[in-house]
Amino acid sequence: MTQTDFKTTGELYLDGRWRGGAGPAFESLAPHDGRRVWQGHAADITDVDTAFAAARAAFPAWADRRFDERATLARAFAVMLKDQSEPLARCLAEETGKPLWEARTEVAAMVGKIELSIRANRERTGEHEQATDFGRHVLRHRPHGVVAVFGPYNFPGHLPNGHIVPALLAGNCVLFKPSELTPATAEMTLRLWERAGIPPGVLQLLQGERATGEAIAAHVQLDGLYFTGSQRTGALLHRQFAADSGRILALELGGNNPLIVRAVADTDAAVLDTVQSAFITSGQRCTCARRLFVPRGSWGDAFVERLVAVTRGLRIERWNAEPPPFMGPVISARAADQLLAAQERLLAVGAHSVLPLRRLDPGPAFLAPGIIDVSALAEVPDEEYFGPLLQLIRYDTLDEAIAGANRTRYGLSAGFIGEDAAEYERFRLRIRAGIVNWNRPTTGASGAFPFGGVGVSGNHRPSAYYAADYCAYPVASSEAPQPLQPAQLPPGLLP
C-alpha cells in the first residue's frame, strides 16, 4: 500500500462493504478556510438495522476466536497506521484545524494504544485460575456482544481508538459513529482496519448527525455504548440507559478543570505549564484548565503579567503553516461564536477582561486566547467553555483556592504548580478529580493509567488502561473433572 492511494469516498462501511448512506446529505468543512473535506450521506434507520444484523451475525465467531488471534489483527492495524501515518495525520489536521505536529502525535498515540490495550486486557481481564482440593476456580471474561462507540471531534482518531481497540480485543463487535464534524478521519481509520483484515460485520462505520446517533442508542440489539463528548449529551444517554440495566454505558464528559498556582522561583516555567494546560489544541481538550487560581500579591501580579505576554505572543495559524504554529482555529465558526458569547455573558455579570478573547483575520474559527478575571463574581457559572477562554481567580490562602477548585459539579482533571511537597499533598488529598497533576500540565495523562473523573465528568467507568473493564464482564467458575464423590458431600445429604 502506498500513501498516494489513501482517499475517502464519503461512504459507510457495513458488513464488509463500502456503500453510500440512505439518510440526509452532510459535509465536513476545514475550520481554517471552510473548504469541503468530506461529503456523503448519513446512515438512516435501515442502514442502522443492517449494521446491527451484520454485527449480531458476526459476533459468535469473533468472540470464539482465541485472544491471540484478535491481538494479531490489532497489531496488523498498527502496521497499517504506521504505514499511512502521514496521510492520516494530514487529513486529521485539516479536518480539525490542529497543527500538523499535533496531529502526528495523535496518530502515534493510536499506534501505541494497540500494545497498551493488549497488555491491559491480559492484566485486568483475561483468564486467571486458582487450584482447590477438588478442582479449580477459574475467572474468565466474556464480551458484551454488539457495542457502539460515539467519537468526539477534538481527537477523532485517538479517543474512538481508545474504545474500539479494547472492545474488539475483548471479542465485541463494534458500530462506530464518529462526530459529524470529523467523518473523513473516521473513514480513513476504517479503511485501515479493512486492509488489516477485520472480518465483515465485526467493525462498521455509521456516519451521520444526531438522528443516526439516536437510532443506534435506541436500538434493541445494542448491548453497550461508549461515549466521549459533551456533558449534556452524556446526561441524556444516562437517563435513556437508566431504564435498561442490562446494557453497559461508559461516559467521558469533560470538565471545568482547576489549576492552582503557588509562588515559585521559576515564574516562566509556571507560565508555560499554564499555557499548555489552558490553550493546547486551542483549548479543545477535555482536560484543559478552565479556571486558574493565582495568589494575590506582587508575585501573583507578576505571574499574570507574564502569562498575558506569553499568551499574546502565541503563534496561531493554519495546520500546515511554517514555522509550525502552537495552535490553530477552533473546530468551527459556530464554536467560536459560542465562546465569544460566553465571554460576553461573564463580562455582563461583573467579570473583568485581562486579555480579550477575539477573532483573528485568517478566518471566523480563529480565536486569540482570552483570559478573564472572575474573582469579583459572587457565583461563577459552572460551565465547561470548550476553547481558549481561561477564567482567572485570585485567592488569599491555599485552603481558599482548594475550596474554590472543588466548587464544580465536574471532576475530571486538576493541577497544582508549586514547590512545597506538603502543600501538594494537601491539595492531592482534598481535590476531587480523577486526574491530579503536580508541576505538569493538566492535559498530561498516561495511556498506561486510567483516564476518567468523578461528578458529571463521567459515570465511574474510566477509559485508557481501564477500558478493558467495561469491554467485558467476568465469569467465575468452579470446575472439576468429575462430579462430587460421596466423601466430598456434606453430612446428612446421603441416607
Protein backbone atom coordinates (compact mmCIF):
# COMPACT_ATOMS: atom_id res chain seq x y z
CA MET A 1 0.00 0.00 0.00
CA THR A 2 1.32 3.41 -0.94
CA GLN A 3 0.49 6.72 0.64
CA THR A 4 -0.88 8.11 -2.62
CA ASP A 5 -3.88 5.74 -2.87
CA PHE A 6 -5.36 6.56 0.53
CA LYS A 7 -8.54 8.54 -0.17
CA THR A 8 -12.03 9.00 1.27
CA THR A 9 -15.21 8.45 -0.74
CA GLY A 10 -17.95 9.62 1.63
CA GLU A 11 -19.32 6.15 2.27
CA LEU A 12 -20.43 3.95 5.15
CA TYR A 13 -18.75 0.63 5.93
CA LEU A 14 -21.42 -2.03 6.51
CA ASP A 15 -20.88 -5.80 6.67
CA GLY A 16 -17.53 -5.62 4.93
CA ARG A 17 -18.70 -3.36 2.08
CA TRP A 18 -18.40 0.35 1.33
CA ARG A 19 -21.68 1.95 0.30
CA GLY A 20 -23.46 5.27 0.37
CA GLY A 21 -25.75 6.12 3.26
CA ALA A 22 -29.50 6.40 2.70
CA GLY A 23 -30.00 9.34 5.06
CA PRO A 24 -29.60 13.10 4.63
CA ALA A 25 -26.52 14.58 2.99
CA PHE A 26 -23.95 16.36 5.15
CA GLU A 27 -20.37 17.52 4.87
CA SER A 28 -17.23 18.29 6.84
CA LEU A 29 -15.60 21.69 6.39
CA ALA A 30 -12.00 22.59 7.20
CA PRO A 31 -12.14 25.12 10.04
CA HIS A 32 -9.21 27.17 8.73
CA ASP A 33 -10.81 28.09 5.40
CA GLY A 34 -14.24 26.47 5.13
CA ARG A 35 -13.17 24.17 2.31
CA ARG A 36 -15.09 20.89 2.00
CA VAL A 37 -13.04 17.98 3.34
CA TRP A 38 -15.70 15.24 3.11
CA GLN A 39 -19.23 14.85 1.85
CA GLY A 40 -21.66 11.97 1.96
CA HIS A 41 -24.97 10.75 3.30
CA ALA A 42 -25.83 9.81 6.86
CA ALA A 43 -26.87 6.33 7.87
CA ASP A 44 -30.65 6.09 8.21
CA ILE A 45 -32.62 3.59 10.32
CA THR A 46 -32.40 0.95 7.57
CA ASP A 47 -28.61 1.29 7.48
CA VAL A 48 -28.52 1.03 11.26
CA ASP A 49 -30.67 -2.12 11.18
CA THR A 50 -28.36 -3.60 8.55
CA ALA A 51 -25.30 -2.86 10.67
CA PHE A 52 -26.79 -4.44 13.79
CA ALA A 53 -27.87 -7.55 11.89
CA ALA A 54 -24.38 -7.96 10.43
CA ALA A 55 -22.74 -7.41 13.81
CA ARG A 56 -25.04 -9.89 15.54
CA ALA A 57 -24.30 -12.50 12.86
CA ALA A 58 -20.53 -11.92 13.11
CA PHE A 59 -20.38 -11.90 16.90
CA PRO A 60 -20.26 -15.65 17.76
CA ALA A 61 -17.28 -16.44 15.53
CA TRP A 62 -15.42 -13.29 16.55
CA ALA A 63 -15.99 -13.87 20.27
CA ASP A 64 -14.92 -17.51 19.95
CA ARG A 65 -11.57 -16.64 18.41
CA ARG A 66 -8.57 -17.02 20.64
CA PHE A 67 -7.44 -13.75 22.16
CA ASP A 68 -4.06 -14.04 20.45
CA GLU A 69 -5.79 -14.11 17.06
CA ARG A 70 -7.68 -10.91 17.80
CA ALA A 71 -4.45 -9.35 19.08
CA THR A 72 -2.68 -10.32 15.84
CA LEU A 73 -5.30 -8.47 13.83
CA ALA A 74 -4.99 -5.41 16.08
CA ARG A 75 -1.23 -5.45 15.51
CA ALA A 76 -1.83 -5.64 11.77
CA PHE A 77 -3.93 -2.48 12.13
CA ALA A 78 -0.99 -0.84 13.95
CA VAL A 79 1.23 -1.67 10.98
CA MET A 80 -1.29 -0.02 8.66
CA LEU A 81 -1.41 3.04 10.92
CA LYS A 82 2.36 3.37 10.79
CA ASP A 83 2.42 2.92 7.03
CA GLN A 84 -0.25 5.57 6.47
CA SER A 85 0.59 7.82 9.42
CA GLU A 86 1.36 10.90 7.34
CA PRO A 87 -1.79 10.88 5.13
CA LEU A 88 -3.95 10.19 8.19
CA ALA A 89 -2.26 12.95 10.19
CA ARG A 90 -2.71 15.44 7.34
CA CYS A 91 -6.39 14.53 6.99
CA LEU A 92 -6.89 14.82 10.75
CA ALA A 93 -5.10 18.16 10.92
CA GLU A 94 -7.06 19.68 8.06
CA GLU A 95 -10.40 18.42 9.37
CA THR A 96 -9.90 19.55 12.98
CA GLY A 97 -7.64 22.55 12.42
CA LYS A 98 -4.99 21.34 14.85
CA PRO A 99 -1.35 21.84 13.81
CA LEU A 100 0.25 19.04 11.82
CA TRP A 101 2.79 18.35 14.57
CA GLU A 102 -0.05 17.67 16.99
CA ALA A 103 -1.97 15.52 14.51
CA ARG A 104 1.16 13.40 14.08
CA THR A 105 1.37 12.87 17.83
CA GLU A 106 -2.28 11.78 17.81
CA VAL A 107 -1.66 9.15 15.15
CA ALA A 108 1.39 7.95 17.08
CA ALA A 109 -0.83 7.59 20.17
CA MET A 110 -3.22 5.46 18.11
CA VAL A 111 -0.35 3.12 17.27
CA GLY A 112 0.80 2.97 20.89
CA LYS A 113 -2.73 2.16 22.05
CA ILE A 114 -2.56 -1.31 20.47
CA GLU A 115 0.12 -2.81 22.71
CA LEU A 116 -1.20 -0.95 25.75
CA SER A 117 -4.66 -2.41 25.16
CA ILE A 118 -3.31 -5.93 24.67
CA ARG A 119 -1.42 -5.65 27.96
CA ALA A 120 -4.41 -4.15 29.77
CA ASN A 121 -6.69 -6.93 28.57
CA ARG A 122 -4.35 -9.58 29.91
CA GLU A 123 -3.78 -7.83 33.24
CA ARG A 124 -7.28 -6.57 34.02
CA THR A 125 -9.40 -9.23 32.33
CA GLY A 126 -8.05 -12.35 30.64
CA GLU A 127 -8.16 -15.73 32.41
CA HIS A 128 -7.00 -16.49 35.95
CA GLU A 129 -7.03 -19.79 37.85
CA GLN A 130 -6.84 -20.93 41.47
CA ALA A 131 -6.40 -24.61 42.38
CA THR A 132 -8.57 -26.22 45.08
CA ASP A 133 -8.50 -29.61 46.80
CA PHE A 134 -11.17 -30.98 44.47
CA GLY A 135 -10.73 -28.98 41.24
CA ARG A 136 -10.19 -25.32 40.47
CA HIS A 137 -11.75 -21.86 40.47
CA VAL A 138 -11.43 -20.06 37.14
CA LEU A 139 -12.06 -16.42 36.30
CA ARG A 140 -12.74 -15.70 32.65
CA HIS A 141 -14.14 -12.68 30.83
CA ARG A 142 -16.70 -12.57 28.08
CA PRO A 143 -17.57 -9.77 25.62
CA HIS A 144 -20.87 -7.94 25.94
CA GLY A 145 -21.86 -8.51 22.33
CA VAL A 146 -22.62 -5.62 19.97
CA VAL A 147 -21.45 -2.25 21.27
CA ALA A 148 -21.39 1.24 19.80
CA VAL A 149 -18.64 3.86 20.01
CA PHE A 150 -19.59 7.54 19.64
CA GLY A 151 -16.48 9.59 18.91
CA PRO A 152 -15.68 13.29 19.55
CA TYR A 153 -14.24 15.83 17.13
CA ASN A 154 -11.28 17.05 19.19
CA PHE A 155 -9.35 13.75 19.00
CA PRO A 156 -11.20 11.95 16.19
CA GLY A 157 -8.52 9.28 15.84
CA HIS A 158 -7.14 8.68 19.33
CA LEU A 159 -10.25 8.81 21.51
CA PRO A 160 -12.52 6.47 19.49
CA ASN A 161 -9.49 4.21 19.04
CA GLY A 162 -9.26 4.01 22.84
CA HIS A 163 -12.71 2.38 22.91
CA ILE A 164 -12.64 0.43 19.64
CA VAL A 165 -9.36 -1.43 20.18
CA PRO A 166 -10.14 -2.81 23.68
CA ALA A 167 -13.71 -3.61 22.63
CA LEU A 168 -12.51 -5.66 19.67
CA LEU A 169 -9.78 -7.36 21.70
CA ALA A 170 -12.41 -8.44 24.22
CA GLY A 171 -14.44 -10.05 21.42
CA ASN A 172 -17.18 -7.48 20.88
CA CYS A 173 -18.48 -6.34 17.52
CA VAL A 174 -18.42 -2.56 17.19
CA LEU A 175 -20.56 0.04 15.46
CA PHE A 176 -18.59 3.28 15.18
CA LYS A 177 -20.43 6.58 14.82
CA PRO A 178 -17.89 9.44 14.64
CA SER A 179 -18.60 13.10 15.20
CA GLU A 180 -20.39 14.63 12.23
CA LEU A 181 -17.59 17.22 12.23
CA THR A 182 -14.82 14.68 11.56
CA PRO A 183 -16.15 11.97 9.20
CA ALA A 184 -13.07 11.95 6.93
CA THR A 185 -10.70 10.92 9.72
CA ALA A 186 -13.11 8.15 10.72
CA GLU A 187 -13.39 6.84 7.17
CA MET A 188 -9.62 6.74 6.72
CA THR A 189 -9.29 4.85 10.02
CA LEU A 190 -11.88 2.26 8.99
CA ARG A 191 -10.15 1.74 5.66
CA LEU A 192 -7.01 0.80 7.58
CA TRP A 193 -8.95 -1.70 9.67
CA GLU A 194 -10.34 -3.17 6.44
CA ARG A 195 -6.85 -3.53 4.96
CA ALA A 196 -5.67 -5.12 8.21
CA GLY A 197 -8.24 -7.89 7.62
CA ILE A 198 -11.12 -7.12 10.00
CA PRO A 199 -13.89 -9.67 9.26
CA PRO A 200 -17.20 -8.43 7.80
CA GLY A 201 -19.63 -7.22 10.46
CA VAL A 202 -17.06 -7.02 13.26
CA LEU A 203 -16.35 -3.29 12.89
CA GLN A 204 -18.67 -1.00 10.94
CA LEU A 205 -18.81 2.72 10.23
CA LEU A 206 -22.10 4.62 10.51
CA GLN A 207 -21.64 8.25 9.53
CA GLY A 208 -24.27 10.77 10.50
CA GLU A 209 -25.55 13.51 12.72
CA ARG A 210 -27.89 13.43 15.72
CA ALA A 211 -30.60 11.24 14.16
CA THR A 212 -28.07 8.49 13.38
CA GLY A 213 -26.78 8.51 16.94
CA GLU A 214 -30.30 8.38 18.36
CA ALA A 215 -31.17 5.39 16.16
CA ILE A 216 -28.08 3.50 17.33
CA ALA A 217 -28.55 4.33 21.02
CA ALA A 218 -32.20 3.24 20.98
CA HIS A 219 -31.70 0.01 19.03
CA VAL A 220 -32.92 -3.16 20.73
CA GLN A 221 -29.81 -5.07 19.58
CA LEU A 222 -27.39 -2.72 21.36
CA ASP A 223 -25.51 -4.26 24.29
CA GLY A 224 -23.38 -1.26 25.26
CA LEU A 225 -22.38 2.27 24.33
CA TYR A 226 -19.05 4.05 24.86
CA PHE A 227 -19.37 7.82 24.52
CA THR A 228 -16.88 10.69 24.67
CA GLY A 229 -18.37 14.15 24.33
CA SER A 230 -20.44 16.86 25.97
CA GLN A 231 -21.94 16.61 29.43
CA ARG A 232 -25.36 17.50 28.03
CA THR A 233 -25.42 14.58 25.58
CA GLY A 234 -23.92 12.24 28.16
CA ALA A 235 -26.65 13.12 30.65
CA LEU A 236 -29.33 12.37 28.03
CA LEU A 237 -27.74 8.98 27.34
CA HIS A 238 -27.50 8.27 31.06
CA ARG A 239 -31.22 8.92 31.52
CA GLN A 240 -32.05 6.83 28.48
CA PHE A 241 -29.97 3.87 29.66
CA ALA A 242 -31.18 4.12 33.28
CA ALA A 243 -34.33 2.22 32.36
CA ASP A 244 -32.30 -0.70 30.97
CA SER A 245 -29.71 -2.03 33.39
CA GLY A 246 -28.81 -4.86 31.01
CA ARG A 247 -26.76 -2.57 28.77
CA ILE A 248 -23.43 -1.05 29.75
CA LEU A 249 -22.72 2.66 29.33
CA ALA A 250 -19.28 4.26 29.63
CA LEU A 251 -19.15 8.06 29.60
CA GLU A 252 -16.31 10.61 29.44
CA LEU A 253 -17.85 14.07 29.59
CA GLY A 254 -15.15 16.68 30.08
CA GLY A 255 -14.56 19.06 32.96
CA ASN A 256 -14.37 22.56 34.41
CA ASN A 257 -10.80 21.87 35.41
CA PRO A 258 -8.92 23.93 38.03
CA LEU A 259 -5.21 24.78 38.08
CA ILE A 260 -3.82 26.21 41.31
CA VAL A 261 -0.57 28.17 41.08
CA ARG A 262 1.63 28.94 44.11
CA ALA A 263 4.60 31.32 44.20
CA VAL A 264 7.59 29.54 42.65
CA ALA A 265 11.15 30.58 41.86
CA ASP A 266 10.82 29.98 38.11
CA THR A 267 7.86 32.09 37.03
CA ASP A 268 8.36 31.32 33.35
CA ALA A 269 8.15 27.57 33.97
CA ALA A 270 4.85 28.08 35.79
CA VAL A 271 3.58 30.24 32.94
CA LEU A 272 4.49 27.66 30.30
CA ASP A 273 2.75 24.90 32.28
CA THR A 274 -0.32 27.13 32.46
CA VAL A 275 -0.34 27.94 28.75
CA GLN A 276 -0.07 24.27 27.86
CA SER A 277 -2.82 23.46 30.33
CA ALA A 278 -5.23 26.08 29.01
CA PHE A 279 -4.56 26.61 25.32
CA ILE A 280 -3.08 23.50 23.70
CA THR A 281 -5.37 22.13 20.96
CA SER A 282 -6.99 25.59 21.01
CA GLY A 283 -8.35 24.78 24.44
CA GLN A 284 -10.33 21.85 23.00
CA ARG A 285 -9.11 19.08 25.28
CA CYS A 286 -11.43 17.80 27.98
CA THR A 287 -8.51 18.09 30.43
CA CYS A 288 -7.68 21.71 29.59
CA ALA A 289 -7.55 24.08 32.56
CA ARG A 290 -10.66 26.28 32.57
CA ARG A 291 -10.11 28.02 35.94
CA LEU A 292 -6.74 29.39 37.03
CA PHE A 293 -6.19 30.17 40.73
CA VAL A 294 -3.38 32.70 41.33
CA PRO A 295 -2.36 34.14 44.73
CA ARG A 296 -3.00 37.80 45.43
CA GLY A 297 0.07 39.96 45.90
CA SER A 298 3.12 41.06 43.95
CA TRP A 299 4.22 37.58 42.81
CA GLY A 300 0.74 36.79 41.51
CA ASP A 301 0.58 40.16 39.72
CA ALA A 302 3.91 39.49 38.02
CA PHE A 303 2.79 35.97 37.08
CA VAL A 304 -0.41 37.24 35.45
CA GLU A 305 1.50 39.93 33.58
CA ARG A 306 3.93 37.36 32.21
CA LEU A 307 1.10 34.94 31.37
CA VAL A 308 -0.65 37.63 29.35
CA ALA A 309 2.56 38.47 27.48
CA VAL A 310 3.28 34.83 26.58
CA THR A 311 -0.33 34.15 25.61
CA ARG A 312 -0.46 37.24 23.43
CA GLY A 313 2.64 36.02 21.58
CA LEU A 314 1.38 32.51 20.78
CA ARG A 315 1.64 31.58 17.12
CA ILE A 316 -1.88 30.82 15.80
CA GLU A 317 -2.08 29.71 12.18
CA ARG A 318 -3.45 27.11 9.78
CA TRP A 319 -2.50 23.48 10.34
CA ASN A 320 0.33 23.32 7.79
CA ALA A 321 1.85 26.78 8.25
CA GLU A 322 5.61 27.23 8.51
CA PRO A 323 7.05 27.73 11.00
CA PRO A 324 4.61 25.44 12.82
CA PRO A 325 2.00 27.21 14.98
CA PHE A 326 1.27 26.40 18.62
CA MET A 327 -2.46 26.25 17.92
CA GLY A 328 -4.95 26.54 15.10
CA PRO A 329 -8.62 27.50 14.90
CA VAL A 330 -11.40 26.01 16.97
CA ILE A 331 -13.50 23.39 15.23
CA SER A 332 -15.95 25.80 13.57
CA ALA A 333 -17.16 29.39 13.31
CA ARG A 334 -20.19 28.33 15.37
CA ALA A 335 -17.93 27.11 18.18
CA ALA A 336 -16.07 30.44 18.05
CA ASP A 337 -19.39 32.31 18.27
CA GLN A 338 -20.36 30.31 21.36
CA LEU A 339 -17.07 31.12 23.11
CA LEU A 340 -17.33 34.81 22.33
CA ALA A 341 -20.90 34.78 23.64
CA ALA A 342 -19.71 33.07 26.85
CA GLN A 343 -17.13 35.82 27.34
CA GLU A 344 -19.83 38.47 26.92
CA ARG A 345 -22.07 36.77 29.48
CA LEU A 346 -19.26 36.73 32.03
CA LEU A 347 -18.45 40.38 31.40
CA ALA A 348 -22.13 41.27 31.76
CA VAL A 349 -22.27 39.84 35.30
CA GLY A 350 -19.14 41.62 36.52
CA ALA A 351 -16.06 39.79 35.21
CA HIS A 352 -13.03 41.77 34.01
CA SER A 353 -11.18 41.07 30.76
CA VAL A 354 -7.43 40.69 31.30
CA LEU A 355 -6.79 39.56 27.72
CA PRO A 356 -9.83 39.64 25.43
CA LEU A 357 -10.83 36.53 23.51
CA ARG A 358 -11.15 37.83 19.95
CA ARG A 359 -11.41 36.73 16.36
CA LEU A 360 -8.34 36.74 14.15
CA ASP A 361 -8.07 37.61 10.47
CA PRO A 362 -7.33 34.15 8.97
CA GLY A 363 -10.98 33.10 9.32
CA PRO A 364 -14.09 33.04 11.55
CA ALA A 365 -12.94 29.96 13.51
CA PHE A 366 -9.60 31.53 14.52
CA LEU A 367 -9.53 32.95 18.05
CA ALA A 368 -6.81 34.69 20.03
CA PRO A 369 -6.91 33.14 23.54
CA GLY A 370 -8.70 35.07 26.24
CA ILE A 371 -8.11 35.46 29.98
CA ILE A 372 -10.99 36.81 32.03
CA ASP A 373 -10.85 37.66 35.75
CA VAL A 374 -13.96 36.33 37.52
CA SER A 375 -12.65 36.90 41.07
CA ALA A 376 -15.29 39.54 41.81
CA LEU A 377 -18.24 37.32 40.89
CA ALA A 378 -20.29 36.11 43.84
CA GLU A 379 -21.07 32.96 41.88
CA VAL A 380 -19.05 31.80 38.88
CA PRO A 381 -21.09 29.79 36.34
CA ASP A 382 -20.05 26.14 36.49
CA GLU A 383 -19.66 25.64 32.75
CA GLU A 384 -17.09 23.97 30.52
CA TYR A 385 -16.11 26.57 27.94
CA PHE A 386 -14.60 24.28 25.32
CA GLY A 387 -11.95 26.51 23.82
CA PRO A 388 -9.19 29.03 24.61
CA LEU A 389 -11.03 31.01 27.29
CA LEU A 390 -9.34 30.88 30.71
CA GLN A 391 -11.01 32.20 33.87
CA LEU A 392 -8.70 33.82 36.43
CA ILE A 393 -9.49 33.66 40.16
CA ARG A 394 -7.27 35.42 42.70
CA TYR A 395 -7.04 33.94 46.23
CA ASP A 396 -5.51 34.60 49.65
CA THR A 397 -4.91 31.13 51.15
CA LEU A 398 -4.32 27.66 49.78
CA ASP A 399 -7.40 26.33 51.57
CA GLU A 400 -9.46 29.04 49.88
CA ALA A 401 -8.08 28.02 46.49
CA ILE A 402 -8.76 24.32 47.07
CA ALA A 403 -12.31 25.06 48.19
CA GLY A 404 -12.83 27.16 45.04
CA ALA A 405 -11.31 24.48 42.84
CA ASN A 406 -13.78 21.94 44.23
CA ARG A 407 -16.71 24.28 43.62
CA THR A 408 -17.81 22.43 40.50
CA ARG A 409 -20.07 19.54 39.57
CA TYR A 410 -17.29 18.24 37.31
CA GLY A 411 -14.25 16.30 38.45
CA LEU A 412 -12.01 15.27 35.56
CA SER A 413 -8.61 16.95 35.84
CA ALA A 414 -6.87 19.24 38.32
CA GLY A 415 -3.37 20.66 38.56
CA PHE A 416 -1.07 22.12 41.20
CA ILE A 417 2.01 24.24 40.45
CA GLY A 418 4.20 24.73 43.49
CA GLU A 419 7.47 23.73 45.12
CA ASP A 420 6.18 22.68 48.55
CA ALA A 421 5.57 18.91 48.63
CA ALA A 422 3.45 19.20 51.77
CA GLU A 423 1.18 21.71 50.07
CA TYR A 424 0.82 19.42 47.06
CA GLU A 425 -0.05 16.55 49.39
CA ARG A 426 -2.74 18.69 50.98
CA PHE A 427 -4.08 19.55 47.54
CA ARG A 428 -3.94 15.94 46.33
CA LEU A 429 -5.87 14.64 49.33
CA ARG A 430 -8.60 17.28 49.16
CA ILE A 431 -9.14 17.85 45.45
CA ARG A 432 -11.97 15.93 43.81
CA ALA A 433 -10.79 14.79 40.39
CA GLY A 434 -9.76 11.65 38.55
CA ILE A 435 -6.54 13.15 37.15
CA VAL A 436 -4.38 15.15 39.57
CA ASN A 437 -1.03 16.55 38.34
CA TRP A 438 1.84 18.31 40.09
CA ASN A 439 4.03 20.76 38.16
CA ARG A 440 2.80 19.26 34.92
CA PRO A 441 0.04 20.49 32.60
CA THR A 442 -3.49 19.35 33.39
CA THR A 443 -3.55 17.95 29.87
CA GLY A 444 -0.87 15.35 30.59
CA ALA A 445 -2.24 11.80 31.02
CA SER A 446 -0.58 8.42 30.55
CA GLY A 447 -2.19 5.75 28.39
CA ALA A 448 -0.79 3.17 30.81
CA PHE A 449 -3.08 4.53 33.55
CA PRO A 450 -6.85 5.01 33.78
CA PHE A 451 -8.43 8.14 32.34
CA GLY A 452 -11.65 9.48 33.82
CA GLY A 453 -13.22 11.56 36.53
CA VAL A 454 -15.99 11.92 39.07
CA GLY A 455 -19.11 14.06 39.32
CA VAL A 456 -20.65 14.81 35.95
CA SER A 457 -17.33 14.18 34.20
CA GLY A 458 -18.34 10.56 33.68
CA ASN A 459 -20.13 7.61 35.21
CA HIS A 460 -17.26 5.93 37.09
CA ARG A 461 -16.08 3.90 34.11
CA PRO A 462 -12.64 5.37 33.33
CA SER A 463 -11.10 4.64 29.95
CA ALA A 464 -7.49 4.34 28.71
CA TYR A 465 -5.87 1.44 30.60
CA TYR A 466 -9.13 0.64 32.40
CA ALA A 467 -11.18 0.42 29.18
CA ALA A 468 -10.77 -3.35 29.35
CA ASP A 469 -13.01 -3.30 32.43
CA TYR A 470 -16.12 -2.09 30.60
CA CYS A 471 -15.47 -4.08 27.41
CA ALA A 472 -16.05 -7.47 29.06
CA TYR A 473 -17.87 -8.97 32.01
CA PRO A 474 -16.35 -11.51 34.46
CA VAL A 475 -17.44 -15.15 34.56
CA ALA A 476 -16.42 -17.01 37.73
CA SER A 477 -16.46 -20.83 37.56
CA SER A 478 -15.85 -23.72 39.96
CA GLU A 479 -14.70 -26.71 37.91
CA ALA A 480 -13.72 -30.33 38.43
CA PRO A 481 -13.15 -33.23 36.00
CA GLN A 482 -15.91 -35.30 37.63
CA PRO A 483 -18.94 -34.82 39.91
CA LEU A 484 -18.58 -34.68 43.69
CA GLN A 485 -17.78 -38.02 45.30
CA PRO A 486 -19.54 -39.26 48.44
CA ALA A 487 -16.60 -38.34 50.66
CA GLN A 488 -16.83 -34.75 49.45
CA LEU A 489 -20.53 -34.29 50.29
CA PRO A 490 -21.72 -32.53 53.45
CA PRO A 491 -23.00 -34.66 56.39
CA GLY A 492 -26.63 -35.78 56.25
CA LEU A 493 -27.01 -35.48 52.49
CA LEU A 494 -26.89 -39.23 51.85
CA PRO A 495 -29.08 -41.74 53.76
